[in-house]
Amino acid sequence: TNVNDLLKPEYQGKVALNGDPTQAGAAFSGVLMVALSQGGSADDIAPGVEFFRKLKEAGNFLPVDPTPATIESGQTPVVIDWNYT
């Protein structure tokens, strides 16, 4: 299993990012993590941005800010997040 699996049809409308990466550190860290998995680096996050473009085009990106309630209810079944603890 790897991050590219999230582009598969079975993840349609199921993948959320915790916040806006231009404003939230957790979301930016998620984009950076994806960038690293796609051959990018801390200085080149373009592969991460491109991945999220593909995720959106595939209909798999869910533009909802995940919360414990949305996760528990199943509204946001897959969340890309960063835990600082």
PDB file of N, CA and C in Angstrom:
ATOM      1  N   THR A   1       0.847  -1.183   0.000  1.00  0.00           N
ATOM      2  CA  THR A   1       0.000   0.000   0.000  1.00  0.00           C
ATOM      3  C   THR A   1       0.886   1.239   0.000  1.00  0.00           C
ATOM      4  N   ASN A   2       0.522   2.206  -0.844  1.00  0.00           N
ATOM      5  CA  ASN A   2       1.233   3.479  -0.821  1.00  0.00           C
ATOM      6  C   ASN A   2       0.264   4.603  -1.149  1.00  0.00           C
ATOM      7  N   VAL A   3       0.742   5.818  -1.095  1.00  0.00           N
ATOM      8  CA  VAL A   3      -0.115   6.984  -1.276  1.00  0.00           C
ATOM      9  C   VAL A   3      -0.798   6.980  -2.644  1.00  0.00           C
ATOM     10  N   ASN A   4      -0.181   6.400  -3.656  1.00  0.00           N
ATOM     11  CA  ASN A   4      -0.797   6.348  -4.985  1.00  0.00           C
ATOM     12  C   ASN A   4      -2.086   5.533  -4.998  1.00  0.00           C
ATOM     13  N   ASP A   5      -2.244   4.635  -4.030  1.00  0.00           N
ATOM     14  CA  ASP A   5      -3.482   3.866  -3.944  1.00  0.00           C
ATOM     15  C   ASP A   5      -4.689   4.779  -3.741  1.00  0.00           C
ATOM     16  N   LEU A   6      -4.478   5.951  -3.171  1.00  0.00           N
ATOM     17  CA  LEU A   6      -5.584   6.881  -2.922  1.00  0.00           C
ATOM     18  C   LEU A   6      -6.183   7.437  -4.207  1.00  0.00           C
ATOM     19  N   LEU A   7      -5.518   7.213  -5.336  1.00  0.00           N
ATOM     20  CA  LEU A   7      -6.047   7.646  -6.632  1.00  0.00           C
ATOM     21  C   LEU A   7      -7.014   6.619  -7.228  1.00  0.00           C
ATOM     22  N   LYS A   8      -7.128   5.462  -6.611  1.00  0.00           N
ATOM     23  CA  LYS A   8      -7.993   4.399  -7.130  1.00  0.00           C
ATOM     24  C   LYS A   8      -9.467   4.766  -6.964  1.00  0.00           C
ATOM     25  N   PRO A   9     -10.319   4.257  -7.856  1.00  0.00           N
ATOM     26  CA  PRO A   9     -11.751   4.576  -7.814  1.00  0.00           C
ATOM     27  C   PRO A   9     -12.438   4.247  -6.489  1.00  0.00           C
ATOM     28  N   GLU A  10     -11.955   3.250  -5.776  1.00  0.00           N
ATOM     29  CA  GLU A  10     -12.620   2.895  -4.516  1.00  0.00           C
ATOM     30  C   GLU A  10     -12.486   3.975  -3.441  1.00  0.00           C
ATOM     31  N   TYR A  11     -11.637   4.974  -3.688  1.00  0.00           N
ATOM     32  CA  TYR A  11     -11.483   6.077  -2.737  1.00  0.00           C
ATOM     33  C   TYR A  11     -12.227   7.336  -3.175  1.00  0.00           C
ATOM     34  N   GLN A  12     -13.132   7.203  -4.135  1.00  0.00           N
ATOM     35  CA  GLN A  12     -13.860   8.366  -4.642  1.00  0.00           C
ATOM     36  C   GLN A  12     -14.625   9.054  -3.508  1.00  0.00           C
ATOM     37  N   GLY A  13     -14.354  10.362  -3.363  1.00  0.00           N
ATOM     38  CA  GLY A  13     -15.017  11.172  -2.351  1.00  0.00           C
ATOM     39  C   GLY A  13     -14.685  10.812  -0.924  1.00  0.00           C
ATOM     40  N   LYS A  14     -13.513  10.197  -0.702  1.00  0.00           N
ATOM     41  CA  LYS A  14     -13.191   9.695   0.634  1.00  0.00           C
ATOM     42  C   LYS A  14     -11.921  10.257   1.255  1.00  0.00           C
ATOM     43  N   VAL A  15     -11.134  11.042   0.526  1.00  0.00           N
ATOM     44  CA  VAL A  15      -9.821  11.459   1.025  1.00  0.00           C
ATOM     45  C   VAL A  15      -9.839  12.944   1.383  1.00  0.00           C
ATOM     46  N   ALA A  16      -9.641  13.235   2.653  1.00  0.00           N
ATOM     47  CA  ALA A  16      -9.637  14.618   3.136  1.00  0.00           C
ATOM     48  C   ALA A  16      -8.239  15.003   3.611  1.00  0.00           C
ATOM     49  N   LEU A  17      -7.970  16.289   3.552  1.00  0.00           N
ATOM     50  CA  LEU A  17      -6.720  16.859   4.059  1.00  0.00           C
ATOM     51  C   LEU A  17      -7.092  17.734   5.241  1.00  0.00           C
ATOM     52  N   ASN A  18      -6.332  17.644   6.324  1.00  0.00           N
ATOM     53  CA  ASN A  18      -6.674  18.393   7.528  1.00  0.00           C
ATOM     54  C   ASN A  18      -6.297  19.862   7.390  1.00  0.00           C
ATOM     55  N   GLY A  19      -7.182  20.635   6.775  1.00  0.00           N
ATOM     56  CA  GLY A  19      -6.998  22.074   6.657  1.00  0.00           C
ATOM     57  C   GLY A  19      -6.521  22.507   5.284  1.00  0.00           C
ATOM     58  N   ASP A  20      -6.284  23.795   5.187  1.00  0.00           N
ATOM     59  CA  ASP A  20      -5.798  24.439   3.965  1.00  0.00           C
ATOM     60  C   ASP A  20      -4.279  24.516   4.060  1.00  0.00           C
ATOM     61  N   PRO A  21      -3.550  23.896   3.138  1.00  0.00           N
ATOM     62  CA  PRO A  21      -2.089  23.870   3.256  1.00  0.00           C
ATOM     63  C   PRO A  21      -1.424  25.243   3.179  1.00  0.00           C
ATOM     64  N   THR A  22      -2.149  26.259   2.714  1.00  0.00           N
ATOM     65  CA  THR A  22      -1.576  27.610   2.707  1.00  0.00           C
ATOM     66  C   THR A  22      -1.757  28.294   4.055  1.00  0.00           C
ATOM     67  N   GLN A  23      -2.528  27.662   4.961  1.00  0.00           N
ATOM     68  CA  GLN A  23      -2.811  28.286   6.253  1.00  0.00           C
ATOM     69  C   GLN A  23      -2.579  27.377   7.454  1.00  0.00           C
ATOM     70  N   ALA A  24      -2.595  26.068   7.247  1.00  0.00           N
ATOM     71  CA  ALA A  24      -2.508  25.127   8.365  1.00  0.00           C
ATOM     72  C   ALA A  24      -1.263  24.255   8.244  1.00  0.00           C
ATOM     73  N   GLY A  25      -0.482  24.234   9.305  1.00  0.00           N
ATOM     74  CA  GLY A  25       0.738  23.437   9.311  1.00  0.00           C
ATOM     75  C   GLY A  25       0.489  21.955   9.088  1.00  0.00           C
ATOM     76  N   ALA A  26      -0.602  21.431   9.661  1.00  0.00           N
ATOM     77  CA  ALA A  26      -0.909  20.009   9.492  1.00  0.00           C
ATOM     78  C   ALA A  26      -1.159  19.684   8.026  1.00  0.00           C
ATOM     79  N   ALA A  27      -1.903  20.546   7.341  1.00  0.00           N
ATOM     80  CA  ALA A  27      -2.198  20.313   5.925  1.00  0.00           C
ATOM     81  C   ALA A  27      -0.941  20.462   5.078  1.00  0.00           C
ATOM     82  N   PHE A  28      -0.128  21.476   5.365  1.00  0.00           N
ATOM     83  CA  PHE A  28       1.117  21.649   4.620  1.00  0.00           C
ATOM     84  C   PHE A  28       2.010  20.426   4.798  1.00  0.00           C
ATOM     85  N   SER A  29       2.073  19.909   6.024  1.00  0.00           N
ATOM     86  CA  SER A  29       2.876  18.708   6.273  1.00  0.00           C
ATOM     87  C   SER A  29       2.350  17.519   5.483  1.00  0.00           C
ATOM     88  N   GLY A  30       1.035  17.441   5.305  1.00  0.00           N
ATOM     89  CA  GLY A  30       0.454  16.383   4.484  1.00  0.00           C
ATOM     90  C   GLY A  30       0.880  16.491   3.036  1.00  0.00           C
ATOM     91  N   VAL A  31       0.874  17.717   2.506  1.00  0.00           N
ATOM     92  CA  VAL A  31       1.324  17.931   1.123  1.00  0.00           C
ATOM     93  C   VAL A  31       2.806  17.589   1.002  1.00  0.00           C
ATOM     94  N   LEU A  32       3.604  17.977   1.990  1.00  0.00           N
ATOM     95  CA  LEU A  32       5.034  17.658   1.983  1.00  0.00           C
ATOM     96  C   LEU A  32       5.257  16.146   2.027  1.00  0.00           C
ATOM     97  N   MET A  33       4.503  15.440   2.863  1.00  0.00           N
ATOM     98  CA  MET A  33       4.631  13.987   2.945  1.00  0.00           C
ATOM     99  C   MET A  33       4.358  13.349   1.587  1.00  0.00           C
ATOM    100  N   VAL A  34       3.290  13.813   0.932  1.00  0.00           N
ATOM    101  CA  VAL A  34       2.961  13.269  -0.384  1.00  0.00           C
ATOM    102  C   VAL A  34       4.054  13.632  -1.388  1.00  0.00           C
ATOM    103  N   ALA A  35       4.562  14.868  -1.320  1.00  0.00           N
ATOM    104  CA  ALA A  35       5.635  15.285  -2.228  1.00  0.00           C
ATOM    105  C   ALA A  35       6.843  14.362  -2.088  1.00  0.00           C
ATOM    106  N   LEU A  36       7.220  14.059  -0.851  1.00  0.00           N
ATOM    107  CA  LEU A  36       8.361  13.169  -0.621  1.00  0.00           C
ATOM    108  C   LEU A  36       8.099  11.783  -1.213  1.00  0.00           C
ATOM    109  N   SER A  37       6.865  11.314  -1.093  1.00  0.00           N
ATOM    110  CA  SER A  37       6.540   9.986  -1.634  1.00  0.00           C
ATOM    111  C   SER A  37       6.533   9.965  -3.157  1.00  0.00           C
ATOM    112  N   GLN A  38       6.454  11.153  -3.770  1.00  0.00           N
ATOM    113  CA  GLN A  38       6.398  11.263  -5.229  1.00  0.00           C
ATOM    114  C   GLN A  38       7.723  11.741  -5.823  1.00  0.00           C
ATOM    115  N   GLY A  39       8.787  11.740  -5.018  1.00  0.00           N
ATOM    116  CA  GLY A  39      10.102  12.121  -5.519  1.00  0.00           C
ATOM    117  C   GLY A  39      10.469  13.569  -5.292  1.00  0.00           C
ATOM    118  N   GLY A  40       9.623  14.314  -4.589  1.00  0.00           N
ATOM    119  CA  GLY A  40       9.918  15.710  -4.289  1.00  0.00           C
ATOM    120  C   GLY A  40      10.803  15.826  -3.060  1.00  0.00           C
ATOM    121  N   SER A  41      10.895  17.040  -2.545  1.00  0.00           N
ATOM    122  CA  SER A  41      11.727  17.300  -1.374  1.00  0.00           C
ATOM    123  C   SER A  41      11.131  18.476  -0.612  1.00  0.00           C
ATOM    124  N   ALA A  42      11.767  18.823   0.501  1.00  0.00           N
ATOM    125  CA  ALA A  42      11.312  19.987   1.262  1.00  0.00           C
ATOM    126  C   ALA A  42      11.435  21.257   0.431  1.00  0.00           C
ATOM    127  N   ASP A  43      12.355  21.264  -0.516  1.00  0.00           N
ATOM    128  CA  ASP A  43      12.529  22.424  -1.395  1.00  0.00           C
ATOM    129  C   ASP A  43      11.706  22.322  -2.675  1.00  0.00           C
ATOM    130  N   ASP A  44      11.090  21.170  -2.909  1.00  0.00           N
ATOM    131  CA  ASP A  44      10.295  20.957  -4.124  1.00  0.00           C
ATOM    132  C   ASP A  44       9.027  20.187  -3.772  1.00  0.00           C
ATOM    133  N   ILE A  45       7.982  20.932  -3.387  1.00  0.00           N
ATOM    134  CA  ILE A  45       6.723  20.285  -3.015  1.00  0.00           C
ATOM    135  C   ILE A  45       5.772  20.143  -4.210  1.00  0.00           C
ATOM    136  N   ALA A  46       6.231  20.549  -5.394  1.00  0.00           N
ATOM    137  CA  ALA A  46       5.379  20.478  -6.591  1.00  0.00           C
ATOM    138  C   ALA A  46       4.794  19.080  -6.819  1.00  0.00           C
ATOM    139  N   PRO A  47       5.551  18.002  -6.597  1.00  0.00           N
ATOM    140  CA  PRO A  47       4.943  16.683  -6.781  1.00  0.00           C
ATOM    141  C   PRO A  47       3.759  16.433  -5.835  1.00  0.00           C
ATOM    142  N   GLY A  48       3.804  17.008  -4.656  1.00  0.00           N
ATOM    143  CA  GLY A  48       2.677  16.877  -3.729  1.00  0.00           C
ATOM    144  C   GLY A  48       1.467  17.658  -4.202  1.00  0.00           C
ATOM    145  N   VAL A  49       1.706  18.867  -4.688  1.00  0.00           N
ATOM    146  CA  VAL A  49       0.616  19.687  -5.228  1.00  0.00           C
ATOM    147  C   VAL A  49      -0.005  18.984  -6.432  1.00  0.00           C
ATOM    148  N   GLU A  50       0.830  18.426  -7.295  1.00  0.00           N
ATOM    149  CA  GLU A  50       0.350  17.706  -8.475  1.00  0.00           C
ATOM    150  C   GLU A  50      -0.484  16.488  -8.075  1.00  0.00           C
ATOM    151  N   PHE A  51      -0.053  15.790  -7.034  1.00  0.00           N
ATOM    152  CA  PHE A  51      -0.811  14.634  -6.568  1.00  0.00           C
ATOM    153  C   PHE A  51      -2.210  15.048  -6.131  1.00  0.00           C
ATOM    154  N   PHE A  52      -2.317  16.144  -5.386  1.00  0.00           N
ATOM    155  CA  PHE A  52      -3.638  16.586  -4.934  1.00  0.00           C
ATOM    156  C   PHE A  52      -4.492  17.070  -6.099  1.00  0.00           C
ATOM    157  N   ARG A  53      -3.866  17.596  -7.147  1.00  0.00           N
ATOM    158  CA  ARG A  53      -4.619  17.958  -8.350  1.00  0.00           C
ATOM    159  C   ARG A  53      -5.222  16.698  -8.968  1.00  0.00           C
ATOM    160  N   LYS A  54      -4.398  15.646  -9.061  1.00  0.00           N
ATOM    161  CA  LYS A  54      -4.884  14.374  -9.609  1.00  0.00           C
ATOM    162  C   LYS A  54      -5.982  13.773  -8.722  1.00  0.00           C
ATOM    163  N   LEU A  55      -5.796  13.895  -7.419  1.00  0.00           N
ATOM    164  CA  LEU A  55      -6.780  13.376  -6.473  1.00  0.00           C
ATOM    165  C   LEU A  55      -8.125  14.080  -6.668  1.00  0.00           C
ATOM    166  N   LYS A  56      -8.065  15.393  -6.859  1.00  0.00           N
ATOM    167  CA  LYS A  56      -9.289  16.164  -7.092  1.00  0.00           C
ATOM    168  C   LYS A  56      -9.918  15.790  -8.431  1.00  0.00           C
ATOM    169  N   GLU A  57      -9.095  15.687  -9.476  1.00  0.00           N
ATOM    170  CA  GLU A  57      -9.604  15.312 -10.804  1.00  0.00           C
ATOM    171  C   GLU A  57     -10.271  13.941 -10.791  1.00  0.00           C
ATOM    172  N   ALA A  58      -9.740  13.032  -9.999  1.00  0.00           N
ATOM    173  CA  ALA A  58     -10.300  11.684  -9.903  1.00  0.00           C
ATOM    174  C   ALA A  58     -11.603  11.666  -9.104  1.00  0.00           C
ATOM    175  N   GLY A  59     -11.910  12.784  -8.446  1.00  0.00           N
ATOM    176  CA  GLY A  59     -13.107  12.835  -7.608  1.00  0.00           C
ATOM    177  C   GLY A  59     -12.899  12.217  -6.245  1.00  0.00           C
ATOM    178  N   ASN A  60     -11.645  11.980  -5.891  1.00  0.00           N
ATOM    179  CA  ASN A  60     -11.341  11.323  -4.625  1.00  0.00           C
ATOM    180  C   ASN A  60     -11.110  12.300  -3.480  1.00  0.00           C
ATOM    181  N   PHE A  61     -10.763  13.546  -3.806  1.00  0.00           N
ATOM    182  CA  PHE A  61     -10.517  14.531  -2.756  1.00  0.00           C
ATOM    183  C   PHE A  61     -11.840  15.009  -2.183  1.00  0.00           C
ATOM    184  N   LEU A  62     -11.931  15.009  -0.882  1.00  0.00           N
ATOM    185  CA  LEU A  62     -13.123  15.431  -0.160  1.00  0.00           C
ATOM    186  C   LEU A  62     -12.810  16.755   0.528  1.00  0.00           C
ATOM    187  N   PRO A  63     -13.341  17.879   0.039  1.00  0.00           N
ATOM    188  CA  PRO A  63     -12.998  19.189   0.599  1.00  0.00           C
ATOM    189  C   PRO A  63     -13.756  19.493   1.891  1.00  0.00           C
ATOM    190  N   VAL A  64     -13.511  18.682   2.905  1.00  0.00           N
ATOM    191  CA  VAL A  64     -14.146  18.839   4.209  1.00  0.00           C
ATOM    192  C   VAL A  64     -13.043  18.868   5.255  1.00  0.00           C
ATOM    193  N   ASP A  65     -13.114  19.820   6.184  1.00  0.00           N
ATOM    194  CA  ASP A  65     -12.155  19.818   7.284  1.00  0.00           C
ATOM    195  C   ASP A  65     -12.527  18.679   8.233  1.00  0.00           C
ATOM    196  N   PRO A  66     -11.668  17.687   8.346  1.00  0.00           N
ATOM    197  CA  PRO A  66     -12.000  16.553   9.201  1.00  0.00           C
ATOM    198  C   PRO A  66     -11.953  16.921  10.683  1.00  0.00           C
ATOM    199  N   THR A  67     -12.849  16.329  11.424  1.00  0.00           N
ATOM    200  CA  THR A  67     -12.898  16.475  12.877  1.00  0.00           C
ATOM    201  C   THR A  67     -13.100  15.078  13.449  1.00  0.00           C
ATOM    202  N   PRO A  68     -12.936  14.920  14.754  1.00  0.00           N
ATOM    203  CA  PRO A  68     -13.243  13.603  15.321  1.00  0.00           C
ATOM    204  C   PRO A  68     -14.672  13.148  14.986  1.00  0.00           C
ATOM    205  N   ALA A  69     -15.608  14.092  14.936  1.00  0.00           N
ATOM    206  CA  ALA A  69     -16.999  13.729  14.628  1.00  0.00           C
ATOM    207  C   ALA A  69     -17.158  13.255  13.182  1.00  0.00           C
ATOM    208  N   THR A  70     -16.483  13.921  12.215  1.00  0.00           N
ATOM    209  CA  THR A  70     -16.620  13.493  10.814  1.00  0.00           C
ATOM    210  C   THR A  70     -15.930  12.156  10.583  1.00  0.00           C
ATOM    211  N   ILE A  71     -14.860  11.918  11.321  1.00  0.00           N
ATOM    212  CA  ILE A  71     -14.162  10.631  11.206  1.00  0.00           C
ATOM    213  C   ILE A  71     -15.032   9.522  11.793  1.00  0.00           C
ATOM    214  N   GLU A  72     -15.560   9.764  12.994  1.00  0.00           N
ATOM    215  CA  GLU A  72     -16.391   8.758  13.656  1.00  0.00           C
ATOM    216  C   GLU A  72     -17.647   8.425  12.848  1.00  0.00           C
ATOM    217  N   SER A  73     -18.238   9.436  12.218  1.00  0.00           N
ATOM    218  CA  SER A  73     -19.465   9.210  11.443  1.00  0.00           C
ATOM    219  C   SER A  73     -19.196   8.565  10.086  1.00  0.00           C
ATOM    220  N   GLY A  74     -17.925   8.549   9.666  1.00  0.00           N
ATOM    221  CA  GLY A  74     -17.581   7.996   8.362  1.00  0.00           C
ATOM    222  C   GLY A  74     -17.625   9.016   7.240  1.00  0.00           C
ATOM    223  N   GLN A  75     -17.910  10.284   7.576  1.00  0.00           N
ATOM    224  CA  GLN A  75     -17.952  11.330   6.549  1.00  0.00           C
ATOM    225  C   GLN A  75     -16.579  11.544   5.926  1.00  0.00           C
ATOM    226  N   THR A  76     -15.525  11.414   6.732  1.00  0.00           N
ATOM    227  CA  THR A  76     -14.153  11.555   6.235  1.00  0.00           C
ATOM    228  C   THR A  76     -13.391  10.264   6.558  1.00  0.00           C
ATOM    229  N   PRO A  77     -13.573   9.225   5.737  1.00  0.00           N
ATOM    230  CA  PRO A  77     -12.971   7.933   6.049  1.00  0.00           C
ATOM    231  C   PRO A  77     -11.451   7.879   5.914  1.00  0.00           C
ATOM    232  N   VAL A  78     -10.873   8.731   5.061  1.00  0.00           N
ATOM    233  CA  VAL A  78      -9.417   8.774   4.909  1.00  0.00           C
ATOM    234  C   VAL A  78      -8.981  10.217   5.131  1.00  0.00           C
ATOM    235  N   VAL A  79      -8.093  10.421   6.098  1.00  0.00           N
ATOM    236  CA  VAL A  79      -7.629  11.770   6.420  1.00  0.00           C
ATOM    237  C   VAL A  79      -6.110  11.803   6.362  1.00  0.00           C
ATOM    238  N   ILE A  80      -5.587  12.751   5.596  1.00  0.00           N
ATOM    239  CA  ILE A  80      -4.146  13.003   5.580  1.00  0.00           C
ATOM    240  C   ILE A  80      -3.916  14.116   6.586  1.00  0.00           C
ATOM    241  N   ASP A  81      -3.156  13.808   7.626  1.00  0.00           N
ATOM    242  CA  ASP A  81      -3.004  14.717   8.764  1.00  0.00           C
ATOM    243  C   ASP A  81      -1.597  14.578   9.332  1.00  0.00           C
ATOM    244  N   TRP A  82      -1.268  15.460  10.221  1.00  0.00           N
ATOM    245  CA  TRP A  82      -0.005  15.423  10.932  1.00  0.00           C
ATOM    246  C   TRP A  82      -0.303  15.524  12.409  1.00  0.00           C
ATOM    247  N   ASN A  83       0.288  14.655  13.202  1.00  0.00           N
ATOM    248  CA  ASN A  83       0.086  14.668  14.638  1.00  0.00           C
ATOM    249  C   ASN A  83       1.362  15.174  15.286  1.00  0.00           C
ATOM    250  N   TYR A  84       1.255  16.233  16.045  1.00  0.00           N
ATOM    251  CA  TYR A  84       2.427  16.857  16.656  1.00  0.00           C
ATOM    252  C   TYR A  84       2.851  16.192  17.953  1.00  0.00           C
ATOM    253  N   THR A  85       2.096  15.208  18.418  1.00  0.00           N
ATOM    254  CA  THR A  85       2.442  14.588  19.693  1.00  0.00           C
ATOM    255  C   THR A  85       3.213  13.312  19.502  1.00  0.00           C
TER     256      THR A  85
END
